[in-house]
Amino acid sequence: MKYYKYFIISFLIIALDQFVKLWVHFTILPGEAGEIKMIGSWLKLHYILNEGMAFGLKLDTPYGKLILTLFRLIATAAIAYYIVYLVKKDNKTGLAWCVALVLAGALGNVVDSTFYGVFLDNAPKDAITPWFHGKVIDMIYVDIWQGFLPEWLPLIGGSHVALWPIFNIADASIFVGVFFMVIYQNRFFGKKEEVKESTENIENANLENQNPNTNSNTEIQTSL
């Protein structure tokens, strides 16, 4: 089938994401102790465990992790179906590639959430079950700036802030897919309708131009 190539690229990204995560887990110490500088002091490998969503966001409820994992499973099924729909119905290949990147990122983190609590034993101690409670492994750290905010700032004054959040390849895949969907939103979501409407207007104009000629010919034949 013609949509297999989109799932193949998703699978390759997932495989790369899992390879890097497992390499980091079994090779690098967590935190600053195992930090590896890659480009100067601003791009690093920094092993941390993330209980929540992309870039460290999470649902702060007792069942937040379970809800998040189940939501991811449902979302990935819907995203996969959407790829098939795009290719079969609309033939929007550019959008399908972007959605394939989002699918890869979502599934990459679903693997962590579903299985890592069991096989890597990294589920929270108070989790009702290690299944679906695994922590996601993050490691890519773009260290733009980190430090303490001034005390005079309301609400957040005195707190420690690190820019940029630490993320993984799955997060990056989601970001890139969504980024290009935003950049090319007119092409992906609006241009086809505009072209269709423009074509219909041209066809209607041609018909209107043809009708006077037809009517005049009919009048001449009648007079003769």
Protein backbone atom coordinates (compact mmCIF):
# COMPACT_ATOMS: atom_id res chain seq x y z
CA MET A 1 0.00 0.00 0.00
CA LYS A 2 1.11 3.54 -0.77
CA TYR A 3 0.83 4.70 2.86
CA TYR A 4 3.34 2.13 4.17
CA LYS A 5 6.26 4.50 3.62
CA TYR A 6 4.86 6.87 6.25
CA PHE A 7 4.69 4.11 8.84
CA ILE A 8 8.19 2.97 7.89
CA ILE A 9 9.65 6.42 8.64
CA SER A 10 7.71 6.43 11.93
CA PHE A 11 9.13 3.02 12.80
CA LEU A 12 12.71 4.13 12.00
CA ILE A 13 12.37 7.20 14.23
CA ILE A 14 10.92 5.07 17.05
CA ALA A 15 13.81 2.60 16.69
CA LEU A 16 16.38 5.42 16.84
CA ASP A 17 14.60 6.99 19.81
CA GLN A 18 14.55 3.71 21.76
CA PHE A 19 18.16 2.90 20.89
CA VAL A 20 19.37 6.27 22.20
CA LYS A 21 17.22 6.03 25.34
CA LEU A 22 18.46 2.56 26.22
CA TRP A 23 22.07 3.51 25.45
CA VAL A 24 21.75 6.51 27.75
CA HIS A 25 20.13 4.40 30.48
CA PHE A 26 22.82 1.71 30.49
CA THR A 27 25.81 4.00 29.79
CA ILE A 28 25.35 7.42 31.39
CA LEU A 29 24.86 8.28 35.05
CA PRO A 30 21.74 10.32 35.83
CA GLY A 31 22.05 14.05 36.46
CA GLU A 32 25.11 16.25 36.24
CA ALA A 33 27.41 13.41 37.28
CA GLY A 34 27.01 11.73 33.91
CA GLU A 35 26.60 14.85 31.77
CA ILE A 36 28.43 14.75 28.43
CA LYS A 37 29.23 17.94 26.52
CA MET A 38 28.66 17.57 22.80
CA ILE A 39 29.00 21.09 21.36
CA GLY A 40 30.67 23.50 23.75
CA SER A 41 28.74 23.95 26.96
CA TRP A 42 25.32 24.57 25.42
CA LEU A 43 24.51 21.19 23.82
CA LYS A 44 24.81 18.24 26.23
CA LEU A 45 23.65 14.74 26.95
CA HIS A 46 22.01 14.88 30.37
CA TYR A 47 20.13 11.80 31.62
CA ILE A 48 16.92 12.52 33.50
CA LEU A 49 13.63 10.68 34.01
CA ASN A 50 10.43 12.44 33.08
CA GLU A 51 7.12 11.37 34.64
CA GLY A 52 4.98 13.51 32.37
CA MET A 53 4.57 14.68 28.79
CA ALA A 54 6.93 16.27 26.32
CA PHE A 55 9.44 18.73 27.79
CA GLY A 56 8.65 17.69 31.36
CA LEU A 57 4.98 18.70 31.51
CA LYS A 58 2.72 16.44 33.59
CA LEU A 59 -0.75 15.95 35.06
CA ASP A 60 -0.46 16.53 38.80
CA THR A 61 -3.08 14.00 39.98
CA PRO A 62 -2.77 10.51 41.55
CA TYR A 63 -3.92 8.89 38.31
CA GLY A 64 -2.30 11.47 36.05
CA LYS A 65 0.34 9.13 34.65
CA LEU A 66 -2.16 6.36 33.91
CA ILE A 67 -4.53 8.83 32.25
CA LEU A 68 -1.69 10.27 30.20
CA THR A 69 -0.49 6.86 29.00
CA LEU A 70 -3.99 5.71 28.03
CA PHE A 71 -4.55 9.01 26.25
CA ARG A 72 -1.32 8.50 24.32
CA LEU A 73 -2.42 5.02 23.24
CA ILE A 74 -5.77 6.31 21.96
CA ALA A 75 -4.12 9.31 20.31
CA THR A 76 -1.55 7.21 18.45
CA ALA A 77 -4.30 4.97 17.06
CA ALA A 78 -6.19 8.05 15.87
CA ILE A 79 -3.04 9.55 14.34
CA ALA A 80 -2.26 6.31 12.49
CA TYR A 81 -5.80 6.22 11.08
CA TYR A 82 -5.47 9.88 10.03
CA ILE A 83 -2.37 9.08 7.97
CA VAL A 84 -4.28 6.38 6.08
CA TYR A 85 -7.18 8.80 5.58
CA LEU A 86 -4.90 11.54 4.21
CA VAL A 87 -3.26 9.25 1.70
CA LYS A 88 -6.46 7.50 0.57
CA LYS A 89 -8.82 10.45 0.43
CA ASP A 90 -6.97 13.74 0.15
CA ASN A 91 -3.56 12.62 -1.11
CA LYS A 92 -1.90 15.32 1.00
CA THR A 93 1.56 13.81 1.12
CA GLY A 94 3.26 16.75 2.82
CA LEU A 95 0.79 16.75 5.68
CA ALA A 96 1.02 12.95 5.90
CA TRP A 97 4.80 13.18 6.42
CA CYS A 98 4.30 15.71 9.23
CA VAL A 99 1.67 13.51 10.89
CA ALA A 100 4.04 10.54 10.57
CA LEU A 101 6.63 12.49 12.60
CA VAL A 102 4.02 13.22 15.28
CA LEU A 103 3.03 9.54 15.32
CA ALA A 104 6.65 8.48 15.77
CA GLY A 105 7.12 10.85 18.68
CA ALA A 106 3.90 9.83 20.38
CA LEU A 107 4.65 6.11 20.05
CA GLY A 108 8.25 6.56 21.15
CA ASN A 109 7.13 7.98 24.48
CA VAL A 110 4.26 5.48 24.77
CA VAL A 111 6.84 2.68 24.77
CA ASP A 112 8.57 4.30 27.76
CA SER A 113 5.34 4.89 29.67
CA THR A 114 3.96 1.43 29.01
CA PHE A 115 7.01 -0.82 29.46
CA TYR A 116 9.87 0.99 31.23
CA GLY A 117 8.18 0.76 34.62
CA VAL A 118 8.44 -3.03 34.31
CA PHE A 119 11.61 -3.69 32.33
CA LEU A 120 13.70 -0.77 33.62
CA ASP A 121 12.03 -0.65 37.04
CA ASN A 122 11.63 3.12 36.95
CA ALA A 123 7.96 3.44 37.90
CA PRO A 124 7.19 5.63 40.95
CA LYS A 125 7.19 3.68 44.20
CA ASP A 126 3.58 4.63 44.92
CA ALA A 127 2.31 3.58 41.47
CA ILE A 128 -0.63 1.16 41.59
CA THR A 129 1.14 -0.93 38.92
CA PRO A 130 4.47 -0.61 37.08
CA TRP A 131 2.62 -1.10 33.79
CA PHE A 132 1.69 2.22 32.13
CA HIS A 133 3.62 4.10 34.83
CA GLY A 134 7.12 4.04 33.35
CA LYS A 135 9.14 7.24 33.29
CA VAL A 136 10.23 8.66 29.96
CA ILE A 137 13.99 8.97 29.41
CA ASP A 138 15.13 12.44 28.34
CA MET A 139 18.69 13.33 27.41
CA ILE A 140 19.09 16.20 24.91
CA TYR A 141 19.90 19.36 26.82
CA VAL A 142 20.24 22.68 25.00
CA ASP A 143 21.68 24.74 27.86
CA ILE A 144 20.81 28.30 26.79
CA TRP A 145 20.77 29.67 30.33
CA GLN A 146 20.15 28.49 33.85
CA GLY A 147 20.13 30.29 37.16
CA PHE A 148 17.96 31.85 39.85
CA LEU A 149 15.38 34.49 38.97
CA PRO A 150 15.47 37.82 40.87
CA GLU A 151 13.56 37.83 44.14
CA TRP A 152 11.50 40.86 43.14
CA LEU A 153 9.69 38.96 40.38
CA PRO A 154 6.12 38.10 41.51
CA LEU A 155 5.27 34.41 42.01
CA ILE A 156 8.40 33.03 40.35
CA GLY A 157 11.06 35.17 42.04
CA GLY A 158 13.93 33.22 43.56
CA SER A 159 13.13 30.01 41.69
CA HIS A 160 15.70 28.15 39.63
CA VAL A 161 15.07 28.17 35.89
CA ALA A 162 16.81 26.20 33.16
CA LEU A 163 16.36 27.11 29.51
CA TRP A 164 15.85 24.88 27.50
CA PRO A 165 13.92 21.88 28.89
CA ILE A 166 15.64 18.53 28.46
CA PHE A 167 13.94 16.41 25.80
CA ASN A 168 14.39 13.29 23.65
CA ILE A 169 14.23 12.31 19.99
CA ALA A 170 10.52 11.48 20.25
CA ASP A 171 9.79 14.99 21.58
CA ALA A 172 11.87 16.50 18.78
CA SER A 173 9.96 14.47 16.20
CA ILE A 174 6.64 15.79 17.50
CA PHE A 175 7.98 19.35 17.54
CA VAL A 176 9.27 19.17 13.95
CA GLY A 177 6.01 17.65 12.67
CA VAL A 178 3.84 20.30 14.36
CA PHE A 179 6.25 23.08 13.34
CA PHE A 180 5.93 22.30 9.64
CA MET A 181 2.16 21.88 9.94
CA VAL A 182 2.00 25.43 11.31
CA ILE A 183 4.40 26.83 8.72
CA TYR A 184 2.55 25.23 5.79
CA GLN A 185 -0.96 25.37 7.21
CA ASN A 186 -2.34 27.25 4.20
CA ARG A 187 -0.99 24.62 1.84
CA PHE A 188 -2.09 21.69 3.99
CA PHE A 189 -5.49 22.89 5.14
CA GLY A 190 -6.67 25.70 2.88
CA LYS A 191 -5.07 25.79 -0.52
CA LYS A 192 -6.89 22.82 -1.98
CA GLU A 193 -10.28 24.40 -1.30
CA GLU A 194 -9.09 27.74 -2.69
CA VAL A 195 -7.84 26.09 -5.87
CA LYS A 196 -11.09 24.15 -6.24
CA GLU A 197 -13.15 27.31 -5.79
CA SER A 198 -10.94 29.21 -8.23
CA THR A 199 -11.29 26.45 -10.83
CA GLU A 200 -15.06 26.46 -10.44
CA ASN A 201 -15.15 30.24 -10.92
CA ILE A 202 -13.10 29.96 -14.11
CA GLU A 203 -15.37 27.22 -15.48
CA ASN A 204 -18.47 29.28 -14.70
CA ALA A 205 -16.96 32.31 -16.41
CA ASN A 206 -16.18 30.25 -19.52
CA LEU A 207 -19.75 28.98 -19.65
CA GLU A 208 -21.09 32.51 -19.37
CA ASN A 209 -18.83 33.62 -22.20
CA GLN A 210 -20.01 30.76 -24.38
CA ASN A 211 -23.73 31.33 -23.79
CA PRO A 212 -24.02 34.71 -25.62
CA ASN A 213 -22.46 33.20 -28.74
CA THR A 214 -24.87 30.28 -28.61
CA ASN A 215 -27.86 32.57 -28.17
CA SER A 216 -26.81 34.85 -31.03
CA ASN A 217 -26.36 31.88 -33.38
CA THR A 218 -29.84 30.65 -32.47
CA GLU A 219 -31.34 34.09 -33.22
CA ILE A 220 -29.63 34.28 -36.62
CA GLN A 221 -30.86 30.82 -37.60
CA THR A 222 -34.41 31.77 -36.54
CA SER A 223 -34.39 34.97 -38.61
CA LEU A 224 -33.20 33.09 -41.68
